[in-house]
N, C-alpha and C. Protein backbone atom coordinates (compact mmCIF):
# COMPACT_ATOMS: atom_id res chain seq x y z
N MET A 1 -5.11 19.34 -18.53
CA MET A 1 -5.24 17.91 -18.72
C MET A 1 -4.01 17.21 -18.13
N LYS A 2 -4.27 16.12 -17.41
CA LYS A 2 -3.19 15.35 -16.78
C LYS A 2 -2.44 14.53 -17.82
N SER A 3 -1.14 14.43 -17.63
CA SER A 3 -0.34 13.57 -18.50
C SER A 3 -0.69 12.11 -18.21
N GLN A 4 -0.35 11.23 -19.14
CA GLN A 4 -0.59 9.80 -18.94
C GLN A 4 0.17 9.30 -17.72
N PHE A 5 1.37 9.83 -17.51
CA PHE A 5 2.18 9.43 -16.37
C PHE A 5 1.45 9.73 -15.06
N ILE A 6 0.88 10.94 -14.94
CA ILE A 6 0.13 11.32 -13.73
C ILE A 6 -1.12 10.47 -13.60
N GLN A 7 -1.80 10.22 -14.71
CA GLN A 7 -2.98 9.36 -14.66
C GLN A 7 -2.62 7.96 -14.17
N ASP A 8 -1.48 7.46 -14.63
CA ASP A 8 -1.02 6.14 -14.18
C ASP A 8 -0.74 6.15 -12.68
N LEU A 9 -0.09 7.20 -12.20
CA LEU A 9 0.23 7.29 -10.77
C LEU A 9 -1.03 7.29 -9.92
N GLN A 10 -2.07 7.97 -10.38
CA GLN A 10 -3.30 8.08 -9.61
C GLN A 10 -4.28 6.95 -9.90
N GLY A 11 -3.97 6.11 -10.86
CA GLY A 11 -4.86 5.03 -11.23
C GLY A 11 -4.88 3.91 -10.20
N PRO A 12 -5.89 3.06 -10.26
CA PRO A 12 -5.98 1.95 -9.32
C PRO A 12 -4.98 0.85 -9.65
N ALA A 13 -4.68 0.06 -8.66
CA ALA A 13 -3.86 -1.14 -8.82
C ALA A 13 -4.78 -2.34 -8.62
N ASP A 14 -4.38 -3.48 -9.11
CA ASP A 14 -5.15 -4.70 -8.88
C ASP A 14 -5.07 -5.02 -7.39
N PRO A 15 -6.21 -5.16 -6.70
CA PRO A 15 -6.19 -5.35 -5.24
C PRO A 15 -5.40 -6.58 -4.78
N ASP A 16 -5.59 -7.71 -5.43
CA ASP A 16 -4.87 -8.92 -5.00
C ASP A 16 -3.38 -8.82 -5.29
N ARG A 17 -3.05 -8.24 -6.43
CA ARG A 17 -1.64 -8.07 -6.78
C ARG A 17 -0.98 -7.07 -5.83
N PHE A 18 -1.70 -6.00 -5.49
CA PHE A 18 -1.17 -5.00 -4.56
C PHE A 18 -0.90 -5.64 -3.20
N LEU A 19 -1.84 -6.44 -2.73
CA LEU A 19 -1.66 -7.13 -1.45
C LEU A 19 -0.41 -8.01 -1.50
N ALA A 20 -0.24 -8.74 -2.58
CA ALA A 20 0.96 -9.59 -2.72
C ALA A 20 2.23 -8.74 -2.72
N MET A 21 2.19 -7.58 -3.37
CA MET A 21 3.38 -6.73 -3.43
C MET A 21 3.69 -6.08 -2.08
N THR A 22 2.67 -5.84 -1.26
CA THR A 22 2.95 -5.32 0.09
C THR A 22 3.68 -6.37 0.91
N GLN A 23 3.36 -7.64 0.66
CA GLN A 23 4.06 -8.72 1.36
C GLN A 23 5.50 -8.85 0.88
N VAL A 24 5.72 -8.69 -0.43
CA VAL A 24 7.09 -8.69 -0.97
C VAL A 24 7.87 -7.54 -0.34
N TYR A 25 7.24 -6.37 -0.30
CA TYR A 25 7.89 -5.18 0.28
C TYR A 25 8.29 -5.45 1.73
N GLN A 26 7.35 -5.95 2.51
CA GLN A 26 7.60 -6.15 3.94
C GLN A 26 8.74 -7.13 4.18
N ARG A 27 8.76 -8.23 3.44
CA ARG A 27 9.85 -9.21 3.60
C ARG A 27 11.19 -8.59 3.23
N ALA A 28 11.25 -7.90 2.10
CA ALA A 28 12.52 -7.35 1.61
C ALA A 28 13.02 -6.20 2.48
N ALA A 29 12.11 -5.43 3.04
CA ALA A 29 12.51 -4.27 3.83
C ALA A 29 13.34 -4.66 5.05
N SER A 30 13.18 -5.89 5.51
CA SER A 30 13.89 -6.32 6.71
C SER A 30 15.23 -7.00 6.42
N VAL A 31 15.58 -7.16 5.15
CA VAL A 31 16.83 -7.85 4.78
C VAL A 31 17.82 -6.83 4.23
N PRO A 32 18.98 -6.68 4.88
CA PRO A 32 19.95 -5.69 4.40
C PRO A 32 20.41 -5.96 2.96
N LEU A 33 20.67 -4.88 2.23
CA LEU A 33 21.23 -5.00 0.88
C LEU A 33 22.66 -5.49 0.97
N PRO A 34 23.14 -6.16 -0.06
CA PRO A 34 24.56 -6.55 -0.07
C PRO A 34 25.44 -5.30 -0.07
N LYS A 35 26.62 -5.44 0.49
CA LYS A 35 27.57 -4.33 0.49
C LYS A 35 27.97 -4.02 -0.95
N PRO A 36 28.09 -2.74 -1.29
CA PRO A 36 28.53 -2.38 -2.65
C PRO A 36 29.88 -3.03 -2.96
N SER A 37 30.00 -3.55 -4.17
CA SER A 37 31.22 -4.28 -4.53
C SER A 37 32.27 -3.41 -5.19
N GLY A 38 31.95 -2.19 -5.48
CA GLY A 38 32.93 -1.33 -6.13
C GLY A 38 32.44 0.09 -6.21
N PRO A 39 33.17 0.91 -6.94
CA PRO A 39 32.78 2.32 -7.05
C PRO A 39 31.50 2.46 -7.88
N GLY A 40 30.88 3.61 -7.77
CA GLY A 40 29.67 3.89 -8.54
C GLY A 40 28.57 4.40 -7.64
N LEU A 41 27.41 4.54 -8.21
CA LEU A 41 26.25 4.99 -7.46
C LEU A 41 25.58 3.79 -6.81
N HIS A 42 25.20 3.95 -5.55
CA HIS A 42 24.55 2.87 -4.81
C HIS A 42 23.42 3.46 -3.99
N LEU A 43 22.36 2.69 -3.84
CA LEU A 43 21.26 3.11 -2.97
C LEU A 43 21.68 2.98 -1.52
N ASN A 44 21.18 3.91 -0.71
CA ASN A 44 21.38 3.76 0.73
C ASN A 44 20.64 2.52 1.19
N ASP A 45 21.23 1.80 2.13
CA ASP A 45 20.61 0.58 2.65
C ASP A 45 19.62 0.96 3.74
N MET A 46 18.37 1.17 3.32
CA MET A 46 17.30 1.50 4.26
C MET A 46 16.04 0.75 3.82
N PRO A 47 15.13 0.50 4.76
CA PRO A 47 13.97 -0.35 4.47
C PRO A 47 13.18 0.05 3.22
N ILE A 48 12.90 1.34 3.03
CA ILE A 48 12.09 1.73 1.88
C ILE A 48 12.79 1.38 0.57
N ASN A 49 14.08 1.57 0.50
CA ASN A 49 14.82 1.22 -0.72
C ASN A 49 14.81 -0.28 -0.96
N ARG A 50 15.02 -1.06 0.10
CA ARG A 50 15.00 -2.52 -0.04
C ARG A 50 13.64 -3.01 -0.52
N GLY A 51 12.59 -2.50 0.13
CA GLY A 51 11.24 -2.92 -0.22
C GLY A 51 10.85 -2.55 -1.63
N MET A 52 11.13 -1.31 -2.01
CA MET A 52 10.75 -0.85 -3.36
C MET A 52 11.55 -1.58 -4.44
N LEU A 53 12.83 -1.83 -4.19
CA LEU A 53 13.62 -2.60 -5.16
C LEU A 53 13.01 -3.99 -5.36
N ALA A 54 12.60 -4.62 -4.28
CA ALA A 54 12.01 -5.95 -4.37
C ALA A 54 10.69 -5.92 -5.13
N VAL A 55 9.88 -4.91 -4.88
CA VAL A 55 8.59 -4.80 -5.57
C VAL A 55 8.80 -4.59 -7.06
N VAL A 56 9.68 -3.68 -7.42
CA VAL A 56 9.97 -3.44 -8.84
C VAL A 56 10.47 -4.72 -9.50
N GLY A 57 11.39 -5.41 -8.84
CA GLY A 57 11.91 -6.65 -9.39
C GLY A 57 10.84 -7.71 -9.56
N ALA A 58 9.99 -7.87 -8.55
CA ALA A 58 8.93 -8.88 -8.61
C ALA A 58 7.91 -8.55 -9.70
N MET A 59 7.56 -7.28 -9.82
CA MET A 59 6.56 -6.90 -10.82
C MET A 59 7.12 -7.05 -12.24
N ARG A 60 8.37 -6.69 -12.41
CA ARG A 60 8.98 -6.85 -13.75
C ARG A 60 9.14 -8.33 -14.10
N LYS A 61 9.55 -9.13 -13.13
CA LYS A 61 9.70 -10.57 -13.37
C LYS A 61 8.35 -11.19 -13.73
N HIS A 62 7.29 -10.71 -13.11
CA HIS A 62 5.95 -11.22 -13.35
C HIS A 62 5.38 -10.71 -14.68
N GLY A 63 5.99 -9.66 -15.25
CA GLY A 63 5.50 -9.10 -16.50
C GLY A 63 4.41 -8.07 -16.34
N ASP A 64 4.30 -7.48 -15.15
CA ASP A 64 3.30 -6.44 -14.93
C ASP A 64 3.60 -5.23 -15.80
N SER A 65 2.56 -4.50 -16.18
CA SER A 65 2.72 -3.32 -17.03
C SER A 65 3.39 -2.18 -16.25
N GLU A 66 3.94 -1.24 -17.00
CA GLU A 66 4.53 -0.05 -16.38
C GLU A 66 3.45 0.75 -15.64
N GLN A 67 2.23 0.78 -16.19
CA GLN A 67 1.13 1.47 -15.51
C GLN A 67 0.86 0.83 -14.16
N ALA A 68 0.81 -0.49 -14.12
CA ALA A 68 0.57 -1.20 -12.86
C ALA A 68 1.69 -0.94 -11.87
N LEU A 69 2.91 -0.91 -12.36
CA LEU A 69 4.07 -0.62 -11.51
C LEU A 69 3.96 0.78 -10.92
N ARG A 70 3.65 1.77 -11.76
CA ARG A 70 3.55 3.16 -11.27
C ARG A 70 2.43 3.30 -10.24
N ALA A 71 1.27 2.71 -10.51
CA ALA A 71 0.15 2.81 -9.58
C ALA A 71 0.49 2.14 -8.25
N THR A 72 1.12 0.98 -8.31
CA THR A 72 1.49 0.26 -7.09
C THR A 72 2.50 1.05 -6.28
N MET A 73 3.53 1.56 -6.94
CA MET A 73 4.57 2.32 -6.23
C MET A 73 4.00 3.58 -5.59
N MET A 74 3.15 4.29 -6.31
CA MET A 74 2.55 5.52 -5.77
C MET A 74 1.76 5.20 -4.51
N ARG A 75 0.97 4.17 -4.56
CA ARG A 75 0.13 3.82 -3.42
C ARG A 75 0.98 3.35 -2.24
N MET A 76 2.03 2.61 -2.51
CA MET A 76 2.92 2.19 -1.42
C MET A 76 3.62 3.38 -0.78
N MET A 77 4.03 4.33 -1.60
CA MET A 77 4.73 5.50 -1.06
C MET A 77 3.83 6.39 -0.21
N HIS A 78 2.52 6.26 -0.39
CA HIS A 78 1.58 7.09 0.37
C HIS A 78 0.88 6.33 1.49
N MET A 79 1.27 5.09 1.74
CA MET A 79 0.60 4.30 2.77
C MET A 79 0.77 4.86 4.17
N ASP A 80 1.79 5.68 4.39
CA ASP A 80 1.95 6.29 5.71
C ASP A 80 0.73 7.12 6.07
N GLU A 81 0.03 7.67 5.08
CA GLU A 81 -1.19 8.44 5.35
C GLU A 81 -2.24 7.56 6.02
N ILE A 82 -2.30 6.31 5.61
CA ILE A 82 -3.27 5.37 6.18
C ILE A 82 -2.90 5.08 7.63
N PHE A 83 -1.62 4.83 7.87
CA PHE A 83 -1.19 4.49 9.22
C PHE A 83 -1.28 5.69 10.16
N GLU A 84 -1.06 6.89 9.65
CA GLU A 84 -1.19 8.09 10.47
C GLU A 84 -2.64 8.36 10.84
N ALA A 85 -3.57 7.88 10.04
CA ALA A 85 -5.00 8.08 10.29
C ALA A 85 -5.65 6.80 10.81
N ARG A 86 -4.88 6.01 11.55
CA ARG A 86 -5.37 4.68 11.95
C ARG A 86 -6.68 4.73 12.73
N ASP A 87 -6.93 5.79 13.49
CA ASP A 87 -8.19 5.88 14.23
C ASP A 87 -9.40 5.93 13.29
N HIS A 88 -9.19 6.41 12.09
CA HIS A 88 -10.25 6.51 11.09
C HIS A 88 -10.71 5.13 10.60
N PHE A 89 -9.83 4.12 10.76
CA PHE A 89 -10.09 2.82 10.16
C PHE A 89 -10.49 1.74 11.15
N GLY A 90 -10.79 2.11 12.39
CA GLY A 90 -11.29 1.16 13.37
C GLY A 90 -10.44 -0.09 13.48
N ASP A 91 -11.08 -1.24 13.49
CA ASP A 91 -10.39 -2.52 13.67
C ASP A 91 -9.64 -3.00 12.43
N TYR A 92 -9.66 -2.23 11.37
CA TYR A 92 -8.87 -2.63 10.20
C TYR A 92 -7.37 -2.46 10.47
N ILE A 93 -7.03 -1.66 11.47
CA ILE A 93 -5.64 -1.52 11.91
C ILE A 93 -5.64 -1.74 13.42
N ARG A 94 -4.91 -2.75 13.86
CA ARG A 94 -4.87 -3.10 15.29
C ARG A 94 -3.43 -3.16 15.78
N PRO A 95 -3.26 -3.07 17.10
CA PRO A 95 -1.91 -3.26 17.65
C PRO A 95 -1.42 -4.66 17.30
N GLY A 96 -0.14 -4.76 16.99
CA GLY A 96 0.44 -6.05 16.62
C GLY A 96 0.85 -6.85 17.84
N MET A 97 1.21 -8.09 17.61
CA MET A 97 1.62 -9.00 18.67
C MET A 97 3.12 -8.97 18.92
N ASP A 98 3.90 -8.50 17.92
CA ASP A 98 5.36 -8.59 18.01
C ASP A 98 5.95 -7.68 19.08
N ASP A 99 5.59 -6.43 19.06
CA ASP A 99 6.10 -5.48 20.05
C ASP A 99 5.13 -4.29 20.11
N GLU A 100 5.42 -3.35 20.97
CA GLU A 100 4.49 -2.24 21.18
C GLU A 100 4.39 -1.31 19.97
N CYS A 101 5.33 -1.37 19.05
CA CYS A 101 5.31 -0.51 17.86
C CYS A 101 4.67 -1.18 16.65
N SER A 102 4.44 -2.49 16.72
CA SER A 102 3.92 -3.19 15.54
C SER A 102 2.41 -3.04 15.43
N ILE A 103 1.94 -3.17 14.20
CA ILE A 103 0.50 -3.12 13.94
C ILE A 103 0.14 -4.28 13.02
N GLU A 104 -1.13 -4.64 13.05
CA GLU A 104 -1.68 -5.61 12.11
C GLU A 104 -2.69 -4.87 11.25
N VAL A 105 -2.59 -5.06 9.95
CA VAL A 105 -3.46 -4.36 9.01
C VAL A 105 -4.29 -5.41 8.27
N ALA A 106 -5.59 -5.23 8.28
CA ALA A 106 -6.49 -6.18 7.61
C ALA A 106 -6.23 -6.18 6.10
N ASP A 107 -6.26 -7.36 5.51
CA ASP A 107 -6.06 -7.48 4.07
C ASP A 107 -7.06 -6.63 3.30
N VAL A 108 -8.30 -6.53 3.80
CA VAL A 108 -9.31 -5.74 3.08
C VAL A 108 -8.93 -4.27 3.03
N LEU A 109 -8.23 -3.78 4.06
CA LEU A 109 -7.78 -2.39 4.03
C LEU A 109 -6.67 -2.21 3.00
N MET A 110 -5.77 -3.18 2.91
CA MET A 110 -4.71 -3.09 1.91
C MET A 110 -5.30 -3.13 0.50
N LYS A 111 -6.30 -3.97 0.30
CA LYS A 111 -6.95 -4.01 -1.01
C LYS A 111 -7.65 -2.69 -1.31
N ALA A 112 -8.22 -2.08 -0.28
CA ALA A 112 -8.87 -0.78 -0.45
C ALA A 112 -7.87 0.29 -0.86
N VAL A 113 -6.69 0.25 -0.27
CA VAL A 113 -5.63 1.20 -0.64
C VAL A 113 -5.30 1.06 -2.13
N ALA A 114 -5.41 -0.14 -2.66
CA ALA A 114 -5.10 -0.39 -4.07
C ALA A 114 -6.05 0.33 -5.02
N VAL A 115 -7.28 0.55 -4.61
CA VAL A 115 -8.28 1.08 -5.55
C VAL A 115 -8.86 2.43 -5.16
N ALA A 116 -8.60 2.91 -3.96
CA ALA A 116 -9.19 4.17 -3.50
C ALA A 116 -8.66 5.35 -4.31
N ARG A 117 -9.48 6.40 -4.33
CA ARG A 117 -9.08 7.63 -5.03
C ARG A 117 -7.84 8.24 -4.42
N ILE A 118 -6.98 8.74 -5.28
CA ILE A 118 -5.85 9.57 -4.87
C ILE A 118 -6.15 10.97 -5.40
N LEU A 119 -6.15 11.92 -4.49
CA LEU A 119 -6.51 13.30 -4.83
C LEU A 119 -5.27 14.17 -4.97
N PRO A 120 -5.29 15.12 -5.91
CA PRO A 120 -4.17 16.07 -5.98
C PRO A 120 -4.16 16.94 -4.74
N LEU A 121 -2.97 17.25 -4.26
CA LEU A 121 -2.81 18.10 -3.09
C LEU A 121 -1.58 18.97 -3.32
N GLY A 122 -1.80 20.19 -3.78
CA GLY A 122 -0.68 21.06 -4.11
C GLY A 122 0.16 20.42 -5.20
N GLU A 123 1.44 20.26 -4.93
CA GLU A 123 2.35 19.62 -5.88
C GLU A 123 2.35 18.10 -5.73
N GLY A 124 1.64 17.59 -4.74
CA GLY A 124 1.64 16.16 -4.47
C GLY A 124 0.26 15.55 -4.61
N ALA A 125 0.02 14.55 -3.79
CA ALA A 125 -1.24 13.83 -3.81
C ALA A 125 -1.48 13.20 -2.45
N CYS A 126 -2.73 12.81 -2.20
CA CYS A 126 -3.06 12.13 -0.95
C CYS A 126 -4.26 11.21 -1.19
N PHE A 127 -4.40 10.23 -0.33
CA PHE A 127 -5.56 9.35 -0.40
C PHE A 127 -6.81 10.07 0.06
N ASP A 128 -7.93 9.73 -0.56
CA ASP A 128 -9.24 10.13 -0.08
C ASP A 128 -9.58 9.09 1.00
N LEU A 129 -9.38 9.45 2.27
CA LEU A 129 -9.52 8.49 3.36
C LEU A 129 -10.93 7.92 3.46
N ALA A 130 -11.94 8.74 3.18
CA ALA A 130 -13.32 8.24 3.21
C ALA A 130 -13.52 7.17 2.13
N ASP A 131 -12.89 7.36 0.98
CA ASP A 131 -12.98 6.38 -0.09
C ASP A 131 -12.24 5.09 0.28
N VAL A 132 -11.09 5.23 0.95
CA VAL A 132 -10.35 4.05 1.41
C VAL A 132 -11.24 3.24 2.35
N LEU A 133 -11.86 3.91 3.32
CA LEU A 133 -12.72 3.22 4.28
C LEU A 133 -13.91 2.57 3.58
N ALA A 134 -14.54 3.27 2.64
CA ALA A 134 -15.69 2.71 1.92
C ALA A 134 -15.29 1.44 1.16
N HIS A 135 -14.15 1.47 0.51
CA HIS A 135 -13.69 0.27 -0.21
C HIS A 135 -13.35 -0.85 0.76
N ALA A 136 -12.74 -0.53 1.89
CA ALA A 136 -12.42 -1.57 2.89
C ALA A 136 -13.70 -2.24 3.37
N GLN A 137 -14.72 -1.44 3.64
CA GLN A 137 -15.99 -2.00 4.10
C GLN A 137 -16.63 -2.86 3.00
N ARG A 138 -16.50 -2.43 1.75
CA ARG A 138 -17.05 -3.20 0.63
C ARG A 138 -16.32 -4.54 0.50
N PHE A 139 -14.98 -4.52 0.56
CA PHE A 139 -14.21 -5.77 0.49
C PHE A 139 -14.54 -6.66 1.69
N ASP A 140 -14.68 -6.05 2.86
CA ASP A 140 -15.00 -6.81 4.08
C ASP A 140 -16.36 -7.49 3.94
N ALA A 141 -17.35 -6.75 3.44
CA ALA A 141 -18.68 -7.32 3.27
C ALA A 141 -18.67 -8.46 2.26
N ALA A 142 -17.87 -8.32 1.21
CA ALA A 142 -17.78 -9.38 0.20
C ALA A 142 -17.09 -10.62 0.76
N ASP A 143 -16.07 -10.41 1.60
CA ASP A 143 -15.33 -11.53 2.19
C ASP A 143 -16.06 -12.16 3.37
N ASN A 144 -16.84 -11.37 4.09
CA ASN A 144 -17.50 -11.81 5.33
C ASN A 144 -18.94 -11.32 5.35
N PRO A 145 -19.83 -11.91 4.57
CA PRO A 145 -21.21 -11.41 4.51
C PRO A 145 -21.88 -11.31 5.87
N ALA A 146 -21.60 -12.22 6.78
CA ALA A 146 -22.23 -12.18 8.11
C ALA A 146 -21.72 -11.00 8.92
N ALA A 147 -20.49 -10.57 8.66
CA ALA A 147 -19.89 -9.47 9.42
C ALA A 147 -20.26 -8.11 8.86
N SER A 148 -20.92 -8.06 7.71
CA SER A 148 -21.18 -6.77 7.08
C SER A 148 -22.09 -5.88 7.90
N SER A 149 -22.88 -6.47 8.81
CA SER A 149 -23.73 -5.65 9.67
C SER A 149 -23.04 -5.28 10.97
N ASP A 150 -21.82 -5.78 11.19
CA ASP A 150 -21.06 -5.49 12.41
C ASP A 150 -20.41 -4.13 12.30
N SER A 151 -20.87 -3.17 13.09
CA SER A 151 -20.36 -1.80 12.99
C SER A 151 -19.03 -1.61 13.70
N SER A 152 -18.54 -2.63 14.42
CA SER A 152 -17.28 -2.45 15.16
C SER A 152 -16.09 -2.29 14.23
N ARG A 153 -16.20 -2.72 12.98
CA ARG A 153 -15.08 -2.59 12.04
C ARG A 153 -15.10 -1.23 11.36
N ALA A 154 -16.21 -0.55 11.39
CA ALA A 154 -16.29 0.76 10.74
C ALA A 154 -15.55 1.79 11.57
N GLY A 155 -14.82 2.63 10.88
CA GLY A 155 -14.02 3.65 11.57
C GLY A 155 -14.79 4.91 11.87
N VAL A 156 -15.90 5.11 11.23
CA VAL A 156 -16.64 6.36 11.44
C VAL A 156 -18.04 6.08 11.92
């Protein structure tokens, strides 16, 4: 039987709240941390630390539950799986306009990441990519009923 902590990690996050927290993460990841003011333990100044600190702060300030925080953090830490499998997601992930390394990710895909199944994998976990795609298509159809018959957005 899974502990409550593990269940929380694998549980869904609120899609709209998750989308908002990805935006908090993205903004904070690009702003350097202040220089340490004295001795003690300090986080390395790197984008993931900046982004995660901002998300934790925003969620705590908002009064989100610890379960919501754990689910959100777990999903954010595993988002690289989505980007590594970008061919699976069709037009939900496109080349960005900023530079050759940037990408644009559809909001419906980010919402899908919030609720898709996370499967155990050895000592870790991974997204069920087919479930992510199915949820993205469901969110897309709900947001764009006329586009729901457009197969160009489907990755498979």
